[in-house]
């Protein structure tokens, strides 16, 4: 589970020799995954629930590496699935300069998605979504990503245009896991 997620993120986001901030002390399994792709590990002192990022460079790869690290921490330190996914959503919000993040799960025994990880400004009307309806529901139904970049109002599949315009949101990205 979490080891595969770390390995996949490392393979997608890192090239051999890329610097990667790593919690010190840190768990050996994620360290091994990062070393396997040739990442150059940068030991960072651990704080209570996150790594100390204040002294790191601001370039894009370091920021994405920090996201990967925070997600790894979330997956190993959460008390429950909901707590882990909330921490993952918070990591997305922190490192990707986005307004909100939701991770949806399928409500057991139904064809309904419910938010299991939430961070930032979210539409309160979307407490649940039927699979196949709205862009999020279609991502779950088709298992294909959907991106509306530029303005959400121009995407015919996006129905919450008033709320998005009120919040100043212009981009939507949905990715199946």
N, C-alpha and C. Protein backbone atom coordinates (compact mmCIF):
# COMPACT_ATOMS: atom_id res chain seq x y z
N UNK A 1 0.79 -1.19 0.00
CA UNK A 1 0.00 0.00 0.00
C UNK A 1 0.83 1.26 0.00
N UNK A 2 1.25 1.72 1.17
CA UNK A 2 1.95 3.00 1.25
C UNK A 2 3.33 2.92 0.61
N UNK A 3 4.01 1.79 0.71
CA UNK A 3 5.33 1.64 0.07
C UNK A 3 5.19 1.74 -1.45
N UNK A 4 4.14 1.14 -2.00
CA UNK A 4 3.91 1.24 -3.45
C UNK A 4 3.62 2.67 -3.86
N UNK A 5 2.86 3.40 -3.03
CA UNK A 5 2.56 4.80 -3.34
C UNK A 5 3.83 5.64 -3.33
N UNK A 6 4.70 5.42 -2.37
CA UNK A 6 5.96 6.17 -2.30
C UNK A 6 6.83 5.83 -3.51
N UNK A 7 6.91 4.55 -3.84
CA UNK A 7 7.72 4.12 -4.97
C UNK A 7 7.19 4.75 -6.27
N UNK A 8 5.87 4.73 -6.46
CA UNK A 8 5.27 5.30 -7.66
C UNK A 8 5.54 6.80 -7.75
N UNK A 9 5.33 7.52 -6.64
CA UNK A 9 5.59 8.97 -6.63
C UNK A 9 7.05 9.26 -6.94
N UNK A 10 7.96 8.49 -6.35
CA UNK A 10 9.39 8.70 -6.58
C UNK A 10 9.73 8.49 -8.05
N UNK A 11 9.19 7.44 -8.66
CA UNK A 11 9.48 7.14 -10.06
C UNK A 11 8.89 8.21 -10.99
N UNK A 12 7.73 8.77 -10.64
CA UNK A 12 7.09 9.77 -11.48
C UNK A 12 7.71 11.15 -11.33
N UNK A 13 8.14 11.50 -10.13
CA UNK A 13 8.53 12.88 -9.85
C UNK A 13 10.03 13.13 -9.80
N UNK A 14 10.82 12.08 -9.67
CA UNK A 14 12.25 12.27 -9.46
C UNK A 14 13.08 11.65 -10.58
N UNK A 15 14.16 12.33 -10.92
CA UNK A 15 15.18 11.78 -11.81
C UNK A 15 16.40 11.46 -10.97
N UNK A 16 17.24 10.58 -11.48
CA UNK A 16 18.47 10.24 -10.77
C UNK A 16 19.28 11.50 -10.48
N UNK A 17 19.71 11.64 -9.25
CA UNK A 17 20.50 12.80 -8.83
C UNK A 17 19.68 13.95 -8.30
N UNK A 18 18.34 13.91 -8.43
CA UNK A 18 17.51 14.99 -7.91
C UNK A 18 17.61 15.04 -6.38
N UNK A 19 17.69 16.25 -5.83
CA UNK A 19 17.69 16.36 -4.37
C UNK A 19 16.31 16.04 -3.82
N UNK A 20 16.27 15.35 -2.71
CA UNK A 20 14.99 15.01 -2.08
C UNK A 20 15.11 15.17 -0.57
N UNK A 21 14.38 16.15 0.00
CA UNK A 21 14.38 16.32 1.45
C UNK A 21 13.77 15.09 2.11
N UNK A 22 14.45 14.57 3.11
CA UNK A 22 13.99 13.35 3.76
C UNK A 22 14.06 13.51 5.27
N UNK A 23 12.96 13.14 5.93
CA UNK A 23 12.86 13.25 7.38
C UNK A 23 13.98 12.44 8.05
N UNK A 24 14.68 13.08 8.98
CA UNK A 24 15.77 12.42 9.69
C UNK A 24 15.53 12.55 11.19
N UNK A 25 15.32 11.47 11.93
CA UNK A 25 15.36 10.11 11.41
C UNK A 25 14.09 9.80 10.63
N UNK A 26 14.20 8.92 9.69
CA UNK A 26 13.06 8.56 8.87
C UNK A 26 12.94 7.05 8.75
N UNK A 27 11.81 6.62 8.25
CA UNK A 27 11.55 5.19 8.09
C UNK A 27 12.45 4.64 6.97
N UNK A 28 13.05 3.47 7.14
CA UNK A 28 13.98 2.96 6.13
C UNK A 28 13.33 2.57 4.79
N UNK A 29 12.08 2.13 4.80
CA UNK A 29 11.47 1.68 3.54
C UNK A 29 11.31 2.81 2.53
N UNK A 30 10.74 3.96 2.91
CA UNK A 30 10.68 5.06 1.93
C UNK A 30 12.08 5.50 1.49
N UNK A 31 13.03 5.49 2.41
CA UNK A 31 14.40 5.86 2.07
C UNK A 31 14.92 4.94 0.96
N UNK A 32 14.66 3.64 1.08
CA UNK A 32 15.11 2.68 0.08
C UNK A 32 14.45 2.92 -1.28
N UNK A 33 13.16 3.26 -1.27
CA UNK A 33 12.46 3.56 -2.53
C UNK A 33 13.09 4.76 -3.22
N UNK A 34 13.41 5.79 -2.45
CA UNK A 34 14.00 7.00 -3.02
C UNK A 34 15.41 6.75 -3.53
N UNK A 35 16.18 5.96 -2.78
CA UNK A 35 17.53 5.64 -3.21
C UNK A 35 17.51 4.78 -4.47
N UNK A 36 16.48 3.94 -4.63
CA UNK A 36 16.39 3.06 -5.80
C UNK A 36 16.25 3.85 -7.10
N UNK A 37 15.63 5.04 -7.05
CA UNK A 37 15.50 5.86 -8.25
C UNK A 37 16.67 6.83 -8.39
N UNK A 38 17.62 6.77 -7.46
CA UNK A 38 18.81 7.60 -7.54
C UNK A 38 18.68 8.98 -6.94
N UNK A 39 17.67 9.20 -6.10
CA UNK A 39 17.50 10.52 -5.47
C UNK A 39 18.66 10.80 -4.53
N UNK A 40 19.07 12.06 -4.48
CA UNK A 40 20.09 12.50 -3.53
C UNK A 40 19.35 12.98 -2.28
N UNK A 41 19.42 12.19 -1.21
CA UNK A 41 18.64 12.49 -0.01
C UNK A 41 19.25 13.65 0.77
N UNK A 42 18.38 14.58 1.18
CA UNK A 42 18.78 15.72 2.00
C UNK A 42 18.15 15.53 3.38
N UNK A 43 18.94 15.17 4.40
CA UNK A 43 18.33 14.94 5.72
C UNK A 43 17.78 16.24 6.31
N UNK A 44 16.53 16.19 6.75
CA UNK A 44 15.84 17.34 7.33
C UNK A 44 15.34 16.93 8.71
N UNK A 45 15.53 17.80 9.68
CA UNK A 45 15.11 17.50 11.05
C UNK A 45 13.60 17.31 11.13
N UNK A 46 13.19 16.32 11.90
CA UNK A 46 11.77 16.03 12.07
C UNK A 46 11.17 16.96 13.12
N UNK A 47 9.93 17.41 12.85
CA UNK A 47 9.15 18.13 13.84
C UNK A 47 8.02 17.21 14.27
N UNK A 48 7.08 17.70 15.05
CA UNK A 48 6.04 16.83 15.60
C UNK A 48 5.26 16.07 14.54
N UNK A 49 4.71 16.74 13.52
CA UNK A 49 3.90 16.05 12.51
C UNK A 49 4.31 16.37 11.08
N UNK A 50 5.46 16.99 10.89
CA UNK A 50 5.91 17.29 9.54
C UNK A 50 7.42 17.54 9.58
N UNK A 51 8.02 17.61 8.39
CA UNK A 51 9.44 17.92 8.35
C UNK A 51 9.63 19.42 8.29
N UNK A 52 10.76 19.91 8.77
CA UNK A 52 11.07 21.34 8.79
C UNK A 52 11.57 21.75 7.41
N UNK A 53 10.78 22.56 6.71
CA UNK A 53 11.10 22.92 5.33
C UNK A 53 11.64 24.34 5.18
N UNK A 54 11.86 25.03 6.27
CA UNK A 54 12.21 26.45 6.20
C UNK A 54 13.52 26.73 5.48
N UNK A 55 14.48 25.82 5.52
CA UNK A 55 15.79 26.09 4.94
C UNK A 55 15.99 25.48 3.56
N UNK A 56 14.92 25.04 2.92
CA UNK A 56 15.05 24.39 1.62
C UNK A 56 14.89 25.37 0.47
N UNK A 57 15.51 25.09 -0.69
CA UNK A 57 15.34 25.96 -1.86
C UNK A 57 13.90 25.93 -2.35
N UNK A 58 13.51 26.97 -3.07
CA UNK A 58 12.13 27.12 -3.52
C UNK A 58 11.87 26.60 -4.92
N UNK A 59 12.75 25.80 -5.48
CA UNK A 59 12.52 25.36 -6.86
C UNK A 59 11.42 24.29 -6.93
N UNK A 60 10.92 24.06 -8.11
CA UNK A 60 9.76 23.19 -8.33
C UNK A 60 9.99 21.75 -7.88
N UNK A 61 11.12 21.19 -8.22
CA UNK A 61 11.37 19.79 -7.85
C UNK A 61 11.43 19.62 -6.33
N UNK A 62 12.04 20.56 -5.65
CA UNK A 62 12.10 20.45 -4.19
C UNK A 62 10.69 20.53 -3.60
N UNK A 63 9.86 21.40 -4.16
CA UNK A 63 8.48 21.53 -3.67
C UNK A 63 7.70 20.24 -3.88
N UNK A 64 7.84 19.63 -5.05
CA UNK A 64 7.15 18.37 -5.30
C UNK A 64 7.72 17.25 -4.44
N UNK A 65 9.02 17.29 -4.20
CA UNK A 65 9.63 16.29 -3.33
C UNK A 65 9.11 16.44 -1.90
N UNK A 66 8.92 17.66 -1.47
CA UNK A 66 8.36 17.90 -0.15
C UNK A 66 6.93 17.37 -0.06
N UNK A 67 6.16 17.56 -1.13
CA UNK A 67 4.80 17.02 -1.17
C UNK A 67 4.85 15.50 -1.00
N UNK A 68 5.71 14.85 -1.75
CA UNK A 68 5.84 13.40 -1.65
C UNK A 68 6.21 12.99 -0.23
N UNK A 69 7.12 13.72 0.38
CA UNK A 69 7.52 13.42 1.75
C UNK A 69 6.38 13.59 2.74
N UNK A 70 5.62 14.69 2.59
CA UNK A 70 4.50 14.91 3.51
C UNK A 70 3.41 13.85 3.33
N UNK A 71 3.20 13.42 2.08
CA UNK A 71 2.22 12.35 1.84
C UNK A 71 2.72 11.05 2.48
N UNK A 72 4.00 10.77 2.35
CA UNK A 72 4.56 9.57 2.98
C UNK A 72 4.37 9.60 4.49
N UNK A 73 4.63 10.75 5.08
CA UNK A 73 4.43 10.91 6.53
C UNK A 73 2.96 10.70 6.87
N UNK A 74 2.07 11.28 6.07
CA UNK A 74 0.63 11.14 6.33
C UNK A 74 0.20 9.68 6.28
N UNK A 75 0.72 8.93 5.33
CA UNK A 75 0.33 7.53 5.18
C UNK A 75 0.90 6.63 6.27
N UNK A 76 1.93 7.09 6.95
CA UNK A 76 2.51 6.26 8.01
C UNK A 76 2.17 6.72 9.41
N UNK A 77 1.64 7.94 9.53
CA UNK A 77 1.37 8.47 10.87
C UNK A 77 -0.11 8.67 11.19
N UNK A 78 -0.97 8.52 10.22
CA UNK A 78 -2.40 8.74 10.46
C UNK A 78 -3.00 7.65 11.32
N UNK A 79 -3.94 8.03 12.16
CA UNK A 79 -4.61 7.07 13.05
C UNK A 79 -5.67 6.26 12.33
N UNK A 80 -6.26 6.82 11.27
CA UNK A 80 -7.33 6.17 10.54
C UNK A 80 -7.20 6.58 9.08
N UNK A 81 -7.96 5.92 8.21
CA UNK A 81 -7.93 6.29 6.79
C UNK A 81 -8.34 7.75 6.63
N UNK A 82 -9.39 8.17 7.31
CA UNK A 82 -9.84 9.57 7.20
C UNK A 82 -8.75 10.54 7.64
N UNK A 83 -8.06 10.23 8.73
CA UNK A 83 -6.98 11.11 9.22
C UNK A 83 -5.83 11.15 8.21
N UNK A 84 -5.48 9.99 7.64
CA UNK A 84 -4.40 9.95 6.65
C UNK A 84 -4.76 10.77 5.41
N UNK A 85 -6.00 10.63 4.93
CA UNK A 85 -6.41 11.35 3.73
C UNK A 85 -6.56 12.85 3.99
N UNK A 86 -6.96 13.24 5.20
CA UNK A 86 -6.98 14.66 5.56
C UNK A 86 -5.56 15.24 5.51
N UNK A 87 -4.60 14.50 6.05
CA UNK A 87 -3.20 14.95 6.02
C UNK A 87 -2.68 15.02 4.58
N UNK A 88 -3.07 14.06 3.74
CA UNK A 88 -2.68 14.10 2.33
C UNK A 88 -3.27 15.32 1.64
N UNK A 89 -4.54 15.63 1.89
CA UNK A 89 -5.19 16.81 1.30
C UNK A 89 -4.49 18.08 1.77
N UNK A 90 -4.15 18.14 3.04
CA UNK A 90 -3.45 19.31 3.57
C UNK A 90 -2.09 19.46 2.91
N UNK A 91 -1.41 18.35 2.63
CA UNK A 91 -0.10 18.40 1.94
C UNK A 91 -0.27 18.94 0.53
N UNK A 92 -1.31 18.52 -0.18
CA UNK A 92 -1.58 19.04 -1.52
C UNK A 92 -1.79 20.55 -1.48
N UNK A 93 -2.58 20.99 -0.53
CA UNK A 93 -2.88 22.42 -0.37
C UNK A 93 -1.60 23.21 -0.09
N UNK A 94 -0.78 22.68 0.79
CA UNK A 94 0.44 23.37 1.21
C UNK A 94 1.46 23.49 0.08
N UNK A 95 1.66 22.44 -0.69
CA UNK A 95 2.77 22.41 -1.64
C UNK A 95 2.40 22.75 -3.08
N UNK A 96 1.13 22.74 -3.43
CA UNK A 96 0.76 22.97 -4.82
C UNK A 96 0.11 24.32 -5.09
N UNK A 97 0.04 25.19 -4.08
CA UNK A 97 -0.55 26.52 -4.25
C UNK A 97 -1.95 26.44 -4.83
N UNK A 98 -2.79 25.60 -4.25
CA UNK A 98 -4.16 25.43 -4.70
C UNK A 98 -5.11 25.90 -3.62
N UNK A 99 -6.36 26.14 -4.00
CA UNK A 99 -7.35 26.67 -3.06
C UNK A 99 -8.01 25.58 -2.23
N UNK A 100 -8.15 24.38 -2.81
CA UNK A 100 -8.79 23.30 -2.06
C UNK A 100 -8.35 21.96 -2.61
N UNK A 101 -8.50 20.95 -1.79
CA UNK A 101 -8.17 19.59 -2.20
C UNK A 101 -9.14 18.64 -1.52
N UNK A 102 -9.63 17.69 -2.28
CA UNK A 102 -10.49 16.64 -1.73
C UNK A 102 -10.02 15.30 -2.26
N UNK A 103 -10.04 14.32 -1.40
CA UNK A 103 -9.81 12.95 -1.81
C UNK A 103 -11.11 12.22 -1.52
N UNK A 104 -11.69 11.63 -2.55
CA UNK A 104 -13.00 10.99 -2.45
C UNK A 104 -12.84 9.48 -2.33
N UNK A 105 -13.71 8.86 -1.58
CA UNK A 105 -13.76 7.40 -1.51
C UNK A 105 -15.20 6.96 -1.82
N UNK A 106 -15.33 5.71 -2.21
CA UNK A 106 -16.66 5.18 -2.50
C UNK A 106 -17.31 4.74 -1.20
N UNK A 107 -18.50 5.25 -0.95
CA UNK A 107 -19.25 4.85 0.24
C UNK A 107 -19.63 3.38 0.09
N UNK A 108 -19.24 2.59 1.06
CA UNK A 108 -19.41 1.13 0.97
C UNK A 108 -20.84 0.74 0.64
N UNK A 109 -20.99 -0.14 -0.34
CA UNK A 109 -22.29 -0.67 -0.70
C UNK A 109 -23.13 0.26 -1.56
N UNK A 110 -22.55 1.38 -2.02
CA UNK A 110 -23.31 2.33 -2.84
C UNK A 110 -22.50 2.70 -4.07
N UNK A 111 -23.09 3.50 -4.92
CA UNK A 111 -22.38 4.09 -6.05
C UNK A 111 -22.24 5.59 -5.80
N UNK A 112 -21.83 5.91 -4.57
CA UNK A 112 -21.72 7.29 -4.14
C UNK A 112 -20.31 7.57 -3.63
N UNK A 113 -19.78 8.72 -4.02
CA UNK A 113 -18.49 9.17 -3.51
C UNK A 113 -18.71 10.09 -2.32
N UNK A 114 -17.88 9.95 -1.30
CA UNK A 114 -17.91 10.84 -0.15
C UNK A 114 -16.50 11.36 0.09
N UNK A 115 -16.37 12.64 0.50
CA UNK A 115 -15.04 13.17 0.74
C UNK A 115 -14.44 12.54 2.01
N UNK A 116 -13.23 11.99 1.85
CA UNK A 116 -12.56 11.38 2.99
C UNK A 116 -11.35 12.20 3.43
N UNK A 117 -10.86 13.05 2.57
CA UNK A 117 -9.77 13.95 2.90
C UNK A 117 -10.11 15.31 2.34
N UNK A 118 -10.16 16.33 3.19
CA UNK A 118 -10.61 17.66 2.76
C UNK A 118 -9.66 18.71 3.32
N UNK A 119 -9.28 19.68 2.47
CA UNK A 119 -8.49 20.81 2.93
C UNK A 119 -8.86 22.03 2.10
N UNK A 120 -8.94 23.18 2.72
CA UNK A 120 -9.22 24.42 2.02
C UNK A 120 -10.70 24.66 1.77
N UNK A 121 -10.97 25.59 0.86
CA UNK A 121 -12.33 25.99 0.52
C UNK A 121 -13.00 24.93 -0.34
N UNK A 122 -14.09 24.37 0.11
CA UNK A 122 -14.81 23.37 -0.68
C UNK A 122 -16.29 23.76 -0.75
N UNK A 123 -16.94 23.30 -1.80
CA UNK A 123 -18.36 23.57 -2.00
C UNK A 123 -19.17 22.74 -1.00
N UNK A 124 -19.85 23.38 -0.04
CA UNK A 124 -20.60 22.62 0.96
C UNK A 124 -21.75 21.81 0.38
N UNK A 125 -22.18 22.14 -0.84
CA UNK A 125 -23.27 21.39 -1.47
C UNK A 125 -22.81 20.02 -1.94
N UNK A 126 -21.49 19.81 -1.99
CA UNK A 126 -20.97 18.54 -2.46
C UNK A 126 -20.57 17.63 -1.29
N UNK A 127 -21.55 17.27 -0.48
CA UNK A 127 -21.29 16.35 0.62
C UNK A 127 -21.16 14.92 0.12
N UNK A 128 -21.76 14.63 -1.02
CA UNK A 128 -21.61 13.34 -1.69
C UNK A 128 -21.91 13.53 -3.17
N UNK A 129 -21.38 12.63 -3.98
CA UNK A 129 -21.54 12.71 -5.42
C UNK A 129 -21.82 11.31 -5.95
N UNK A 130 -22.81 11.20 -6.82
CA UNK A 130 -23.09 9.92 -7.46
C UNK A 130 -22.01 9.64 -8.50
N UNK A 131 -21.53 8.41 -8.54
CA UNK A 131 -20.53 8.03 -9.54
C UNK A 131 -21.14 8.23 -10.92
N UNK A 132 -20.42 8.93 -11.78
CA UNK A 132 -20.90 9.23 -13.13
C UNK A 132 -21.45 10.63 -13.28
N UNK A 133 -21.79 11.31 -12.16
CA UNK A 133 -22.30 12.68 -12.22
C UNK A 133 -21.21 13.65 -11.79
N UNK A 134 -21.19 14.81 -12.33
CA UNK A 134 -20.21 15.86 -12.11
C UNK A 134 -18.83 15.38 -12.57
N UNK A 135 -17.89 16.29 -12.77
CA UNK A 135 -16.55 15.87 -13.19
C UNK A 135 -15.90 14.87 -12.23
N UNK A 136 -16.07 15.07 -10.93
CA UNK A 136 -15.48 14.13 -9.96
C UNK A 136 -16.09 12.75 -10.12
N UNK A 137 -17.40 12.68 -10.23
CA UNK A 137 -18.07 11.39 -10.40
C UNK A 137 -17.71 10.70 -11.70
N UNK A 138 -17.46 11.49 -12.75
CA UNK A 138 -17.06 10.90 -14.03
C UNK A 138 -15.62 10.37 -13.98
N UNK A 139 -14.75 11.03 -13.23
CA UNK A 139 -13.39 10.50 -13.04
C UNK A 139 -13.47 9.13 -12.38
N UNK A 140 -14.33 9.00 -11.37
CA UNK A 140 -14.49 7.71 -10.69
C UNK A 140 -15.10 6.67 -11.61
N UNK A 141 -16.03 7.06 -12.47
CA UNK A 141 -16.70 6.11 -13.36
C UNK A 141 -15.78 5.63 -14.48
N UNK A 142 -14.99 6.54 -15.04
CA UNK A 142 -14.17 6.21 -16.21
C UNK A 142 -12.74 5.83 -15.85
N UNK A 143 -12.33 6.17 -14.63
CA UNK A 143 -10.94 5.98 -14.19
C UNK A 143 -9.96 6.72 -15.09
N UNK A 144 -10.43 7.86 -15.64
CA UNK A 144 -9.59 8.73 -16.47
C UNK A 144 -9.54 10.11 -15.85
N UNK A 145 -8.36 10.73 -15.91
CA UNK A 145 -8.23 12.06 -15.33
C UNK A 145 -9.02 13.09 -16.14
N UNK A 146 -9.35 14.20 -15.50
CA UNK A 146 -10.08 15.29 -16.13
C UNK A 146 -9.48 16.60 -15.63
N UNK A 147 -9.08 17.47 -16.55
CA UNK A 147 -8.50 18.76 -16.18
C UNK A 147 -9.23 19.85 -16.94
N UNK A 148 -9.69 20.86 -16.22
CA UNK A 148 -10.26 22.07 -16.81
C UNK A 148 -9.29 23.19 -16.43
N UNK A 149 -8.53 23.67 -17.40
CA UNK A 149 -7.49 24.65 -17.12
C UNK A 149 -7.82 25.95 -17.84
N UNK A 150 -7.83 27.03 -17.12
CA UNK A 150 -8.14 28.34 -17.69
C UNK A 150 -9.34 28.94 -16.99
N UNK A 151 -10.50 28.39 -17.23
CA UNK A 151 -11.67 28.81 -16.48
C UNK A 151 -12.66 27.66 -16.40
N UNK A 152 -13.11 27.40 -15.22
CA UNK A 152 -14.06 26.32 -14.98
C UNK A 152 -15.36 26.59 -15.73
N UNK A 153 -15.72 27.86 -15.87
CA UNK A 153 -16.98 28.22 -16.53
C UNK A 153 -17.03 27.75 -17.98
N UNK A 154 -15.85 27.58 -18.61
CA UNK A 154 -15.80 27.13 -20.00
C UNK A 154 -15.90 25.61 -20.14
N UNK A 155 -15.86 24.89 -19.04
CA UNK A 155 -15.92 23.43 -19.08
C UNK A 155 -17.39 23.02 -18.97
N UNK A 156 -17.97 22.45 -20.03
CA UNK A 156 -19.40 22.13 -20.00
C UNK A 156 -19.77 21.06 -18.96
N UNK A 157 -18.80 20.30 -18.49
CA UNK A 157 -19.13 19.26 -17.51
C UNK A 157 -19.14 19.79 -16.08
N UNK A 158 -18.68 21.01 -15.88
CA UNK A 158 -18.63 21.57 -14.53
C UNK A 158 -19.91 22.33 -14.25
N UNK A 159 -20.66 21.92 -13.22
CA UNK A 159 -21.97 22.52 -12.96
C UNK A 159 -21.96 23.54 -11.82
N UNK A 160 -20.91 23.60 -11.04
CA UNK A 160 -20.87 24.51 -9.89
C UNK A 160 -20.19 25.83 -10.26
N UNK A 161 -20.55 26.40 -11.41
CA UNK A 161 -19.87 27.58 -11.90
C UNK A 161 -20.09 28.81 -11.02
N UNK A 162 -21.28 28.97 -10.44
CA UNK A 162 -21.54 30.14 -9.58
C UNK A 162 -20.63 30.12 -8.36
N UNK A 163 -20.57 28.96 -7.69
CA UNK A 163 -19.72 28.83 -6.50
C UNK A 163 -18.26 29.04 -6.87
N UNK A 164 -17.82 28.44 -7.99
CA UNK A 164 -16.44 28.56 -8.43
C UNK A 164 -16.10 30.02 -8.75
N UNK A 165 -17.01 30.71 -9.44
CA UNK A 165 -16.77 32.12 -9.77
C UNK A 165 -16.72 32.96 -8.50
N UNK A 166 -17.61 32.69 -7.54
CA UNK A 166 -17.62 33.41 -6.27
C UNK A 166 -16.30 33.24 -5.53
N UNK A 167 -15.73 32.04 -5.59
CA UNK A 167 -14.48 31.75 -4.89
C UNK A 167 -13.25 32.10 -5.73
N UNK A 168 -13.46 32.46 -7.01
CA UNK A 168 -12.35 32.80 -7.87
C UNK A 168 -11.58 31.59 -8.38
N UNK A 169 -12.23 30.44 -8.42
CA UNK A 169 -11.56 29.22 -8.88
C UNK A 169 -11.58 29.16 -10.40
N UNK A 170 -10.47 28.77 -10.99
CA UNK A 170 -10.38 28.72 -12.45
C UNK A 170 -9.95 27.36 -12.98
N UNK A 171 -9.42 26.50 -12.15
CA UNK A 171 -8.87 25.22 -12.61
C UNK A 171 -9.47 24.08 -11.79
N UNK A 172 -9.77 22.99 -12.47
CA UNK A 172 -10.20 21.76 -11.81
C UNK A 172 -9.31 20.63 -12.33
N UNK A 173 -8.85 19.78 -11.43
CA UNK A 173 -8.10 18.60 -11.84
C UNK A 173 -8.58 17.43 -11.01
N UNK A 174 -8.97 16.36 -11.68
CA UNK A 174 -9.39 15.15 -11.01
C UNK A 174 -8.58 13.98 -11.54
N UNK A 175 -8.03 13.18 -10.64
CA UNK A 175 -7.19 12.05 -11.01
C UNK A 175 -7.65 10.81 -10.26
N UNK A 176 -7.85 9.71 -10.96
CA UNK A 176 -8.23 8.46 -10.27
C UNK A 176 -7.00 7.85 -9.61
N UNK A 177 -7.22 7.21 -8.48
CA UNK A 177 -6.11 6.53 -7.80
C UNK A 177 -6.27 5.04 -7.95
